[in-house]
Amino acid sequence: MEFLKGIRDPIAKSKIASRVNRMASGNFGDHKPCRESVWELRIDQGPGYRVYYSLVGNEIVLLLLGGDKRTQDADIEQAIECLKDYLKR
């Protein structure tokens, strides 16, 4: 994921990567629905990192973007736009 490159905290990077990898086996952990089919994966590290995703079909998890608690509202809006763009294709 592109946003991981901007995170300097190695523990946060590791936790985020681990959580995303666990999603592949169906273990989503701490997550909640936002709106318009976008979900938020919450990582309890640093400023409260978030990974936004959507379920497409029965098996595909589409990772949309990441951010933190400070930019949460704008990130959700951007994730919704990314999902809409993906679904148009």
C-alpha atoms as a PDB file:
ATOM      1  CA  MET A   1       0.000   0.000   0.000  1.00  0.00           C
ATOM      2  CA  GLU A   2       1.294   3.386  -0.995  1.00  0.00           C
ATOM      3  CA  PHE A   3       0.513   5.174   2.278  1.00  0.00           C
ATOM      4  CA  LEU A   4       2.807   2.819   4.229  1.00  0.00           C
ATOM      5  CA  LYS A   5       5.816   4.459   2.579  1.00  0.00           C
ATOM      6  CA  GLY A   6       5.026   7.704   4.387  1.00  0.00           C
ATOM      7  CA  ILE A   7       4.878   6.149   7.854  1.00  0.00           C
ATOM      8  CA  ARG A   8       8.156   6.442   9.752  1.00  0.00           C
ATOM      9  CA  ASP A   9       7.192   4.370  12.792  1.00  0.00           C
ATOM     10  CA  PRO A  10       8.421   0.800  12.100  1.00  0.00           C
ATOM     11  CA  ILE A  11       6.072  -0.672  14.716  1.00  0.00           C
ATOM     12  CA  ALA A  12       3.074   0.989  13.069  1.00  0.00           C
ATOM     13  CA  LYS A  13       4.179  -0.249   9.640  1.00  0.00           C
ATOM     14  CA  SER A  14       4.501  -3.767  10.984  1.00  0.00           C
ATOM     15  CA  LYS A  15       1.100  -3.681  12.690  1.00  0.00           C
ATOM     16  CA  ILE A  16      -0.628  -2.344   9.586  1.00  0.00           C
ATOM     17  CA  ALA A  17       1.018  -4.914   7.302  1.00  0.00           C
ATOM     18  CA  SER A  18       0.161  -7.703   9.737  1.00  0.00           C
ATOM     19  CA  ARG A  19      -3.495  -6.656   9.939  1.00  0.00           C
ATOM     20  CA  VAL A  20      -3.809  -6.452   6.162  1.00  0.00           C
ATOM     21  CA  ASN A  21      -2.233  -9.907   5.828  1.00  0.00           C
ATOM     22  CA  ARG A  22      -4.664 -11.350   8.392  1.00  0.00           C
ATOM     23  CA  MET A  23      -7.558 -10.006   6.345  1.00  0.00           C
ATOM     24  CA  ALA A  24      -6.570 -12.473   3.619  1.00  0.00           C
ATOM     25  CA  SER A  25      -7.517 -15.340   5.934  1.00  0.00           C
ATOM     26  CA  GLY A  26     -10.781 -13.697   6.993  1.00  0.00           C
ATOM     27  CA  ASN A  27      -9.568 -12.231  10.292  1.00  0.00           C
ATOM     28  CA  PHE A  28     -10.546  -8.567  10.051  1.00  0.00           C
ATOM     29  CA  GLY A  29     -10.104  -7.752  13.733  1.00  0.00           C
ATOM     30  CA  ASP A  30     -11.145  -4.258  14.852  1.00  0.00           C
ATOM     31  CA  HIS A  31     -13.174  -2.855  11.961  1.00  0.00           C
ATOM     32  CA  LYS A  32     -16.458  -1.086  11.367  1.00  0.00           C
ATOM     33  CA  PRO A  33     -18.619   0.035   8.458  1.00  0.00           C
ATOM     34  CA  CYS A  34     -18.344   3.680   7.419  1.00  0.00           C
ATOM     35  CA  ARG A  35     -20.820   4.267   4.598  1.00  0.00           C
ATOM     36  CA  GLU A  36     -21.463   3.460   0.943  1.00  0.00           C
ATOM     37  CA  SER A  37     -19.839  -0.001   1.224  1.00  0.00           C
ATOM     38  CA  VAL A  38     -16.594   1.389   2.662  1.00  0.00           C
ATOM     39  CA  TRP A  39     -15.235  -0.219   5.832  1.00  0.00           C
ATOM     40  CA  GLU A  40     -12.592   1.020   8.239  1.00  0.00           C
ATOM     41  CA  LEU A  41      -9.891  -1.236   9.675  1.00  0.00           C
ATOM     42  CA  ARG A  42      -8.659   0.377  12.893  1.00  0.00           C
ATOM     43  CA  ILE A  43      -5.055  -0.029  14.052  1.00  0.00           C
ATOM     44  CA  ASP A  44      -4.342   1.017  17.632  1.00  0.00           C
ATOM     45  CA  GLN A  45      -0.878   2.498  17.158  1.00  0.00           C
ATOM     46  CA  GLY A  46       0.424   6.054  16.998  1.00  0.00           C
ATOM     47  CA  PRO A  47      -2.217   8.545  15.865  1.00  0.00           C
ATOM     48  CA  GLY A  48      -4.790   5.782  15.265  1.00  0.00           C
ATOM     49  CA  TYR A  49      -4.080   4.470  11.792  1.00  0.00           C
ATOM     50  CA  ARG A  50      -6.949   3.447   9.528  1.00  0.00           C
ATOM     51  CA  VAL A  51      -7.109   1.325   6.385  1.00  0.00           C
ATOM     52  CA  TYR A  52     -10.225   1.738   4.257  1.00  0.00           C
ATOM     53  CA  TYR A  53     -11.498  -1.163   2.202  1.00  0.00           C
ATOM     54  CA  SER A  54     -14.546  -2.564   0.487  1.00  0.00           C
ATOM     55  CA  LEU A  55     -15.783  -6.074  -0.161  1.00  0.00           C
ATOM     56  CA  VAL A  56     -16.326  -6.739  -3.850  1.00  0.00           C
ATOM     57  CA  GLY A  57     -18.151  -9.974  -4.572  1.00  0.00           C
ATOM     58  CA  ASN A  58     -17.708 -12.863  -2.167  1.00  0.00           C
ATOM     59  CA  GLU A  59     -13.935 -13.125  -2.086  1.00  0.00           C
ATOM     60  CA  ILE A  60     -12.238  -9.878  -3.052  1.00  0.00           C
ATOM     61  CA  VAL A  61     -11.163  -7.292  -0.510  1.00  0.00           C
ATOM     62  CA  LEU A  62     -10.359  -4.050  -2.280  1.00  0.00           C
ATOM     63  CA  LEU A  63      -7.940  -1.900  -0.269  1.00  0.00           C
ATOM     64  CA  LEU A  64      -8.770   1.720  -1.023  1.00  0.00           C
ATOM     65  CA  LEU A  65      -6.403   3.873   1.051  1.00  0.00           C
ATOM     66  CA  GLY A  66      -5.004   4.513   4.493  1.00  0.00           C
ATOM     67  CA  GLY A  67      -4.748   7.407   6.895  1.00  0.00           C
ATOM     68  CA  ASP A  68      -5.118   8.209  10.566  1.00  0.00           C
ATOM     69  CA  LYS A  69      -7.694   9.537  12.984  1.00  0.00           C
ATOM     70  CA  ARG A  70      -6.824  13.181  12.221  1.00  0.00           C
ATOM     71  CA  THR A  71      -7.764  12.872   8.542  1.00  0.00           C
ATOM     72  CA  GLN A  72     -10.552  10.336   9.004  1.00  0.00           C
ATOM     73  CA  ASP A  73     -13.458  12.276   7.458  1.00  0.00           C
ATOM     74  CA  ALA A  74     -11.505  13.313   4.364  1.00  0.00           C
ATOM     75  CA  ASP A  75     -10.062   9.799   4.019  1.00  0.00           C
ATOM     76  CA  ILE A  76     -13.532   8.236   4.087  1.00  0.00           C
ATOM     77  CA  GLU A  77     -14.689  10.619   1.360  1.00  0.00           C
ATOM     78  CA  GLN A  78     -11.635   9.782  -0.742  1.00  0.00           C
ATOM     79  CA  ALA A  79     -12.170   6.034  -0.188  1.00  0.00           C
ATOM     80  CA  ILE A  80     -15.773   6.359  -1.370  1.00  0.00           C
ATOM     81  CA  GLU A  81     -14.595   8.141  -4.514  1.00  0.00           C
ATOM     82  CA  CYS A  82     -11.935   5.457  -5.133  1.00  0.00           C
ATOM     83  CA  LEU A  83     -14.575   2.742  -4.796  1.00  0.00           C
ATOM     84  CA  LYS A  84     -16.967   4.535  -7.163  1.00  0.00           C
ATOM     85  CA  ASP A  85     -14.150   4.901  -9.695  1.00  0.00           C
ATOM     86  CA  TYR A  86     -13.269   1.199  -9.397  1.00  0.00           C
ATOM     87  CA  LEU A  87     -16.890   0.106  -9.842  1.00  0.00           C
ATOM     88  CA  LYS A  88     -17.252   2.194 -13.035  1.00  0.00           C
ATOM     89  CA  ARG A  89     -14.522   0.156 -14.751  1.00  0.00           C
END
